[in-house]
Amino acid sequence: MKEEVEKALGDIRPALQADGGDIELVGVTEDGVVQVRLMGHCAGCPMSQMTLTHGVERHLKNVVPGVERVENVLA
């Protein structure tokens, strides 16, 4: 599943980079929790939780079977 998640993150990475941010895959647990790290402007953005929930999580759930949720892992 990790490879599928990484590919799916590649789909949305350009949009994050266009706003000065980025996303890094930290890991995927056996129960479908995708752990990511928001970087750049995304790391300190007050809208980062909305980006995770309505952007990243929604996309991953649509394209990668088994994804239950996405959580941001702080550095």
PDB file of N, CA and C in Angstrom:
ATOM      1  N   MET A   1       0.825  -1.190   0.000  1.00  0.00           N
ATOM      2  CA  MET A   1       0.000   0.000   0.000  1.00  0.00           C
ATOM      3  C   MET A   1       0.872   1.257   0.000  1.00  0.00           C
ATOM      4  N   LYS A   2       2.058   1.176   0.587  1.00  0.00           N
ATOM      5  CA  LYS A   2       2.917   2.356   0.695  1.00  0.00           C
ATOM      6  C   LYS A   2       3.258   2.942  -0.667  1.00  0.00           C
ATOM      7  N   GLU A   3       3.531   2.071  -1.634  1.00  0.00           N
ATOM      8  CA  GLU A   3       3.864   2.551  -2.980  1.00  0.00           C
ATOM      9  C   GLU A   3       2.669   3.262  -3.622  1.00  0.00           C
ATOM     10  N   GLU A   4       1.474   2.733  -3.408  1.00  0.00           N
ATOM     11  CA  GLU A   4       0.266   3.358  -3.957  1.00  0.00           C
ATOM     12  C   GLU A   4       0.033   4.729  -3.326  1.00  0.00           C
ATOM     13  N   VAL A   5       0.268   4.822  -2.025  1.00  0.00           N
ATOM     14  CA  VAL A   5       0.093   6.097  -1.324  1.00  0.00           C
ATOM     15  C   VAL A   5       1.107   7.113  -1.840  1.00  0.00           C
ATOM     16  N   GLU A   6       2.345   6.698  -2.001  1.00  0.00           N
ATOM     17  CA  GLU A   6       3.380   7.614  -2.498  1.00  0.00           C
ATOM     18  C   GLU A   6       3.016   8.133  -3.890  1.00  0.00           C
ATOM     19  N   LYS A   7       2.516   7.249  -4.737  1.00  0.00           N
ATOM     20  CA  LYS A   7       2.101   7.664  -6.082  1.00  0.00           C
ATOM     21  C   LYS A   7       0.943   8.656  -6.008  1.00  0.00           C
ATOM     22  N   ALA A   8      -0.023   8.386  -5.142  1.00  0.00           N
ATOM     23  CA  ALA A   8      -1.180   9.272  -4.994  1.00  0.00           C
ATOM     24  C   ALA A   8      -0.768  10.632  -4.436  1.00  0.00           C
ATOM     25  N   LEU A   9       0.210  10.648  -3.525  1.00  0.00           N
ATOM     26  CA  LEU A   9       0.706  11.926  -3.014  1.00  0.00           C
ATOM     27  C   LEU A   9       1.369  12.724  -4.131  1.00  0.00           C
ATOM     28  N   GLY A  10       1.975  12.023  -5.074  1.00  0.00           N
ATOM     29  CA  GLY A  10       2.577  12.695  -6.224  1.00  0.00           C
ATOM     30  C   GLY A  10       1.555  13.448  -7.060  1.00  0.00           C
ATOM     31  N   ASP A  11       0.310  12.986  -7.023  1.00  0.00           N
ATOM     32  CA  ASP A  11      -0.763  13.663  -7.760  1.00  0.00           C
ATOM     33  C   ASP A  11      -1.078  15.031  -7.175  1.00  0.00           C
ATOM     34  N   ILE A  12      -0.996  15.138  -5.859  1.00  0.00           N
ATOM     35  CA  ILE A  12      -1.383  16.393  -5.214  1.00  0.00           C
ATOM     36  C   ILE A  12      -0.195  17.265  -4.799  1.00  0.00           C
ATOM     37  N   ARG A  13       0.994  16.698  -4.848  1.00  0.00           N
ATOM     38  CA  ARG A  13       2.202  17.438  -4.457  1.00  0.00           C
ATOM     39  C   ARG A  13       2.366  18.754  -5.240  1.00  0.00           C
ATOM     40  N   PRO A  14       2.141  18.787  -6.562  1.00  0.00           N
ATOM     41  CA  PRO A  14       2.319  20.060  -7.289  1.00  0.00           C
ATOM     42  C   PRO A  14       1.450  21.194  -6.759  1.00  0.00           C
ATOM     43  N   ALA A  15       0.242  20.886  -6.316  1.00  0.00           N
ATOM     44  CA  ALA A  15      -0.629  21.933  -5.774  1.00  0.00           C
ATOM     45  C   ALA A  15      -0.056  22.484  -4.470  1.00  0.00           C
ATOM     46  N   LEU A  16       0.483  21.608  -3.641  1.00  0.00           N
ATOM     47  CA  LEU A  16       1.092  22.059  -2.390  1.00  0.00           C
ATOM     48  C   LEU A  16       2.355  22.870  -2.664  1.00  0.00           C
ATOM     49  N   GLN A  17       3.149  22.407  -3.611  1.00  0.00           N
ATOM     50  CA  GLN A  17       4.385  23.110  -3.947  1.00  0.00           C
ATOM     51  C   GLN A  17       4.110  24.480  -4.554  1.00  0.00           C
ATOM     52  N   ALA A  18       3.013  24.606  -5.274  1.00  0.00           N
ATOM     53  CA  ALA A  18       2.654  25.893  -5.865  1.00  0.00           C
ATOM     54  C   ALA A  18       2.390  26.944  -4.790  1.00  0.00           C
ATOM     55  N   ASP A  19       1.995  26.490  -3.602  1.00  0.00           N
ATOM     56  CA  ASP A  19       1.756  27.408  -2.482  1.00  0.00           C
ATOM     57  C   ASP A  19       2.941  27.482  -1.526  1.00  0.00           C
ATOM     58  N   GLY A  20       4.084  26.935  -1.931  1.00  0.00           N
ATOM     59  CA  GLY A  20       5.279  27.009  -1.109  1.00  0.00           C
ATOM     60  C   GLY A  20       5.412  25.912  -0.069  1.00  0.00           C
ATOM     61  N   GLY A  21       4.628  24.862  -0.204  1.00  0.00           N
ATOM     62  CA  GLY A  21       4.682  23.765   0.753  1.00  0.00           C
ATOM     63  C   GLY A  21       5.059  22.462   0.092  1.00  0.00           C
ATOM     64  N   ASP A  22       4.964  21.402   0.846  1.00  0.00           N
ATOM     65  CA  ASP A  22       5.223  20.067   0.327  1.00  0.00           C
ATOM     66  C   ASP A  22       4.704  19.063   1.343  1.00  0.00           C
ATOM     67  N   ILE A  23       4.749  17.798   0.972  1.00  0.00           N
ATOM     68  CA  ILE A  23       4.294  16.734   1.854  1.00  0.00           C
ATOM     69  C   ILE A  23       5.243  15.560   1.718  1.00  0.00           C
ATOM     70  N   GLU A  24       5.526  14.927   2.843  1.00  0.00           N
ATOM     71  CA  GLU A  24       6.429  13.784   2.867  1.00  0.00           C
ATOM     72  C   GLU A  24       5.700  12.604   3.514  1.00  0.00           C
ATOM     73  N   LEU A  25       5.790  11.454   2.904  1.00  0.00           N
ATOM     74  CA  LEU A  25       5.209  10.251   3.485  1.00  0.00           C
ATOM     75  C   LEU A  25       6.139   9.739   4.572  1.00  0.00           C
ATOM     76  N   VAL A  26       5.620   9.606   5.784  1.00  0.00           N
ATOM     77  CA  VAL A  26       6.393   9.085   6.909  1.00  0.00           C
ATOM     78  C   VAL A  26       6.188   7.583   7.013  1.00  0.00           C
ATOM     79  N   GLY A  27       4.939   7.139   6.868  1.00  0.00           N
ATOM     80  CA  GLY A  27       4.660   5.708   6.944  1.00  0.00           C
ATOM     81  C   GLY A  27       3.191   5.408   6.764  1.00  0.00           C
ATOM     82  N   VAL A  28       2.899   4.118   6.645  1.00  0.00           N
ATOM     83  CA  VAL A  28       1.532   3.638   6.542  1.00  0.00           C
ATOM     84  C   VAL A  28       1.400   2.482   7.525  1.00  0.00           C
ATOM     85  N   THR A  29       0.439   2.576   8.434  1.00  0.00           N
ATOM     86  CA  THR A  29       0.259   1.519   9.414  1.00  0.00           C
ATOM     87  C   THR A  29      -0.582   0.389   8.823  1.00  0.00           C
ATOM     88  N   GLU A  30      -0.563  -0.738   9.495  1.00  0.00           N
ATOM     89  CA  GLU A  30      -1.327  -1.901   9.026  1.00  0.00           C
ATOM     90  C   GLU A  30      -2.825  -1.662   9.039  1.00  0.00           C
ATOM     91  N   ASP A  31      -3.285  -0.744   9.895  1.00  0.00           N
ATOM     92  CA  ASP A  31      -4.718  -0.468   9.960  1.00  0.00           C
ATOM     93  C   ASP A  31      -5.145   0.708   9.079  1.00  0.00           C
ATOM     94  N   GLY A  32      -4.303   1.105   8.119  1.00  0.00           N
ATOM     95  CA  GLY A  32      -4.688   2.083   7.109  1.00  0.00           C
ATOM     96  C   GLY A  32      -4.507   3.536   7.474  1.00  0.00           C
ATOM     97  N   VAL A  33      -3.697   3.816   8.475  1.00  0.00           N
ATOM     98  CA  VAL A  33      -3.425   5.204   8.839  1.00  0.00           C
ATOM     99  C   VAL A  33      -2.177   5.659   8.081  1.00  0.00           C
ATOM    100  N   VAL A  34      -2.350   6.702   7.293  1.00  0.00           N
ATOM    101  CA  VAL A  34      -1.237   7.267   6.526  1.00  0.00           C
ATOM    102  C   VAL A  34      -0.643   8.408   7.341  1.00  0.00           C
ATOM    103  N   GLN A  35       0.641   8.307   7.626  1.00  0.00           N
ATOM    104  CA  GLN A  35       1.336   9.322   8.399  1.00  0.00           C
ATOM    105  C   GLN A  35       2.178  10.161   7.445  1.00  0.00           C
ATOM    106  N   VAL A  36       1.926  11.464   7.482  1.00  0.00           N
ATOM    107  CA  VAL A  36       2.633  12.385   6.593  1.00  0.00           C
ATOM    108  C   VAL A  36       3.225  13.521   7.414  1.00  0.00           C
ATOM    109  N   ARG A  37       4.139  14.230   6.783  1.00  0.00           N
ATOM    110  CA  ARG A  37       4.710  15.430   7.391  1.00  0.00           C
ATOM    111  C   ARG A  37       4.524  16.572   6.393  1.00  0.00           C
ATOM    112  N   LEU A  38       3.804  17.598   6.821  1.00  0.00           N
ATOM    113  CA  LEU A  38       3.659  18.787   5.992  1.00  0.00           C
ATOM    114  C   LEU A  38       4.905  19.639   6.167  1.00  0.00           C
ATOM    115  N   MET A  39       5.392  20.179   5.067  1.00  0.00           N
ATOM    116  CA  MET A  39       6.638  20.943   5.100  1.00  0.00           C
ATOM    117  C   MET A  39       6.451  22.305   4.427  1.00  0.00           C
ATOM    118  N   GLY A  40       7.433  23.154   4.587  1.00  0.00           N
ATOM    119  CA  GLY A  40       7.388  24.478   3.973  1.00  0.00           C
ATOM    120  C   GLY A  40       6.254  25.307   4.557  1.00  0.00           C
ATOM    121  N   HIS A  41       5.601  26.068   3.716  1.00  0.00           N
ATOM    122  CA  HIS A  41       4.501  26.912   4.181  1.00  0.00           C
ATOM    123  C   HIS A  41       3.350  26.101   4.747  1.00  0.00           C
ATOM    124  N   CYS A  42       3.199  24.883   4.299  1.00  0.00           N
ATOM    125  CA  CYS A  42       2.102  24.039   4.792  1.00  0.00           C
ATOM    126  C   CYS A  42       2.271  23.704   6.275  1.00  0.00           C
ATOM    127  N   ALA A  43       3.518  23.617   6.737  1.00  0.00           N
ATOM    128  CA  ALA A  43       3.781  23.213   8.120  1.00  0.00           C
ATOM    129  C   ALA A  43       3.193  24.198   9.121  1.00  0.00           C
ATOM    130  N   GLY A  44       3.239  25.469   8.817  1.00  0.00           N
ATOM    131  CA  GLY A  44       2.751  26.466   9.765  1.00  0.00           C
ATOM    132  C   GLY A  44       1.438  27.102   9.369  1.00  0.00           C
ATOM    133  N   CYS A  45       0.840  26.624   8.329  1.00  0.00           N
ATOM    134  CA  CYS A  45      -0.385  27.236   7.817  1.00  0.00           C
ATOM    135  C   CYS A  45      -1.579  26.918   8.718  1.00  0.00           C
ATOM    136  N   PRO A  46      -2.368  27.936   9.044  1.00  0.00           N
ATOM    137  CA  PRO A  46      -3.551  27.683   9.873  1.00  0.00           C
ATOM    138  C   PRO A  46      -4.603  26.818   9.166  1.00  0.00           C
ATOM    139  N   MET A  47      -4.496  26.671   7.868  1.00  0.00           N
ATOM    140  CA  MET A  47      -5.446  25.855   7.107  1.00  0.00           C
ATOM    141  C   MET A  47      -4.919  24.440   6.874  1.00  0.00           C
ATOM    142  N   SER A  48      -3.820  24.077   7.495  1.00  0.00           N
ATOM    143  CA  SER A  48      -3.193  22.785   7.215  1.00  0.00           C
ATOM    144  C   SER A  48      -4.096  21.604   7.560  1.00  0.00           C
ATOM    145  N   GLN A  49      -4.870  21.687   8.634  1.00  0.00           N
ATOM    146  CA  GLN A  49      -5.759  20.579   8.979  1.00  0.00           C
ATOM    147  C   GLN A  49      -6.841  20.405   7.921  1.00  0.00           C
ATOM    148  N   MET A  50      -7.331  21.499   7.385  1.00  0.00           N
ATOM    149  CA  MET A  50      -8.332  21.424   6.323  1.00  0.00           C
ATOM    150  C   MET A  50      -7.708  20.821   5.054  1.00  0.00           C
ATOM    151  N   THR A  51      -6.479  21.214   4.770  1.00  0.00           N
ATOM    152  CA  THR A  51      -5.772  20.647   3.617  1.00  0.00           C
ATOM    153  C   THR A  51      -5.633  19.136   3.779  1.00  0.00           C
ATOM    154  N   LEU A  52      -5.258  18.696   4.975  1.00  0.00           N
ATOM    155  CA  LEU A  52      -5.116  17.265   5.222  1.00  0.00           C
ATOM    156  C   LEU A  52      -6.433  16.526   5.062  1.00  0.00           C
ATOM    157  N   THR A  53      -7.472  17.039   5.683  1.00  0.00           N
ATOM    158  CA  THR A  53      -8.756  16.343   5.690  1.00  0.00           C
ATOM    159  C   THR A  53      -9.474  16.418   4.350  1.00  0.00           C
ATOM    160  N   HIS A  54      -9.611  17.607   3.823  1.00  0.00           N
ATOM    161  CA  HIS A  54     -10.421  17.791   2.613  1.00  0.00           C
ATOM    162  C   HIS A  54      -9.632  17.662   1.320  1.00  0.00           C
ATOM    163  N   GLY A  55      -8.333  17.675   1.410  1.00  0.00           N
ATOM    164  CA  GLY A  55      -7.505  17.524   0.219  1.00  0.00           C
ATOM    165  C   GLY A  55      -6.800  16.190   0.176  1.00  0.00           C
ATOM    166  N   VAL A  56      -5.829  16.022   1.052  1.00  0.00           N
ATOM    167  CA  VAL A  56      -4.976  14.836   1.041  1.00  0.00           C
ATOM    168  C   VAL A  56      -5.774  13.575   1.384  1.00  0.00           C
ATOM    169  N   GLU A  57      -6.467  13.590   2.515  1.00  0.00           N
ATOM    170  CA  GLU A  57      -7.199  12.392   2.951  1.00  0.00           C
ATOM    171  C   GLU A  57      -8.275  11.995   1.942  1.00  0.00           C
ATOM    172  N   ARG A  58      -9.021  12.950   1.456  1.00  0.00           N
ATOM    173  CA  ARG A  58     -10.082  12.645   0.482  1.00  0.00           C
ATOM    174  C   ARG A  58      -9.495  11.996  -0.775  1.00  0.00           C
ATOM    175  N   HIS A  59      -8.408  12.560  -1.280  1.00  0.00           N
ATOM    176  CA  HIS A  59      -7.786  12.011  -2.486  1.00  0.00           C
ATOM    177  C   HIS A  59      -7.269  10.597  -2.243  1.00  0.00           C
ATOM    178  N   LEU A  60      -6.573  10.404  -1.134  1.00  0.00           N
ATOM    179  CA  LEU A  60      -6.014   9.076  -0.848  1.00  0.00           C
ATOM    180  C   LEU A  60      -7.110   8.030  -0.684  1.00  0.00           C
ATOM    181  N   LYS A  61      -8.178   8.376   0.013  1.00  0.00           N
ATOM    182  CA  LYS A  61      -9.280   7.428   0.186  1.00  0.00           C
ATOM    183  C   LYS A  61      -9.924   7.062  -1.153  1.00  0.00           C
ATOM    184  N   ASN A  62      -9.946   8.000  -2.079  1.00  0.00           N
ATOM    185  CA  ASN A  62     -10.552   7.749  -3.391  1.00  0.00           C
ATOM    186  C   ASN A  62      -9.688   6.872  -4.284  1.00  0.00           C
ATOM    187  N   VAL A  63      -8.375   6.936  -4.138  1.00  0.00           N
ATOM    188  CA  VAL A  63      -7.516   6.217  -5.086  1.00  0.00           C
ATOM    189  C   VAL A  63      -6.751   5.038  -4.499  1.00  0.00           C
ATOM    190  N   VAL A  64      -6.669   4.960  -3.163  1.00  0.00           N
ATOM    191  CA  VAL A  64      -5.921   3.855  -2.545  1.00  0.00           C
ATOM    192  C   VAL A  64      -6.855   3.078  -1.605  1.00  0.00           C
ATOM    193  N   PRO A  65      -7.226   1.871  -1.985  1.00  0.00           N
ATOM    194  CA  PRO A  65      -8.086   1.064  -1.120  1.00  0.00           C
ATOM    195  C   PRO A  65      -7.405   0.775   0.217  1.00  0.00           C
ATOM    196  N   GLY A  66      -8.164   0.900   1.286  1.00  0.00           N
ATOM    197  CA  GLY A  66      -7.645   0.575   2.609  1.00  0.00           C
ATOM    198  C   GLY A  66      -7.190   1.753   3.435  1.00  0.00           C
ATOM    199  N   VAL A  67      -7.136   2.946   2.846  1.00  0.00           N
ATOM    200  CA  VAL A  67      -6.748   4.132   3.613  1.00  0.00           C
ATOM    201  C   VAL A  67      -7.937   4.538   4.501  1.00  0.00           C
ATOM    202  N   GLU A  68      -7.678   4.609   5.792  1.00  0.00           N
ATOM    203  CA  GLU A  68      -8.724   4.972   6.756  1.00  0.00           C
ATOM    204  C   GLU A  68      -8.663   6.444   7.136  1.00  0.00           C
ATOM    205  N   ARG A  69      -7.461   6.937   7.366  1.00  0.00           N
ATOM    206  CA  ARG A  69      -7.311   8.357   7.708  1.00  0.00           C
ATOM    207  C   ARG A  69      -5.852   8.785   7.471  1.00  0.00           C
ATOM    208  N   VAL A  70      -5.668  10.113   7.484  1.00  0.00           N
ATOM    209  CA  VAL A  70      -4.335  10.687   7.296  1.00  0.00           C
ATOM    210  C   VAL A  70      -4.056  11.545   8.516  1.00  0.00           C
ATOM    211  N   GLU A  71      -2.854  11.387   9.063  1.00  0.00           N
ATOM    212  CA  GLU A  71      -2.474  12.228  10.189  1.00  0.00           C
ATOM    213  C   GLU A  71      -1.119  12.863   9.946  1.00  0.00           C
ATOM    214  N   ASN A  72      -0.999  14.087  10.440  1.00  0.00           N
ATOM    215  CA  ASN A  72       0.243  14.836  10.310  1.00  0.00           C
ATOM    216  C   ASN A  72       1.156  14.491  11.476  1.00  0.00           C
ATOM    217  N   VAL A  73       2.380  14.111  11.160  1.00  0.00           N
ATOM    218  CA  VAL A  73       3.375  13.783  12.165  1.00  0.00           C
ATOM    219  C   VAL A  73       4.305  14.981  12.263  1.00  0.00           C
ATOM    220  N   LEU A  74       4.368  15.578  13.425  1.00  0.00           N
ATOM    221  CA  LEU A  74       5.224  16.747  13.590  1.00  0.00           C
ATOM    222  C   LEU A  74       6.669  16.344  13.670  1.00  0.00           C
ATOM    223  N   ALA A  75       7.518  17.209  13.174  1.00  0.00           N
ATOM    224  CA  ALA A  75       8.963  16.937  13.125  1.00  0.00           C
ATOM    225  C   ALA A  75       9.570  16.726  14.485  1.00  0.00           C
TER     226      ALA A  75
END
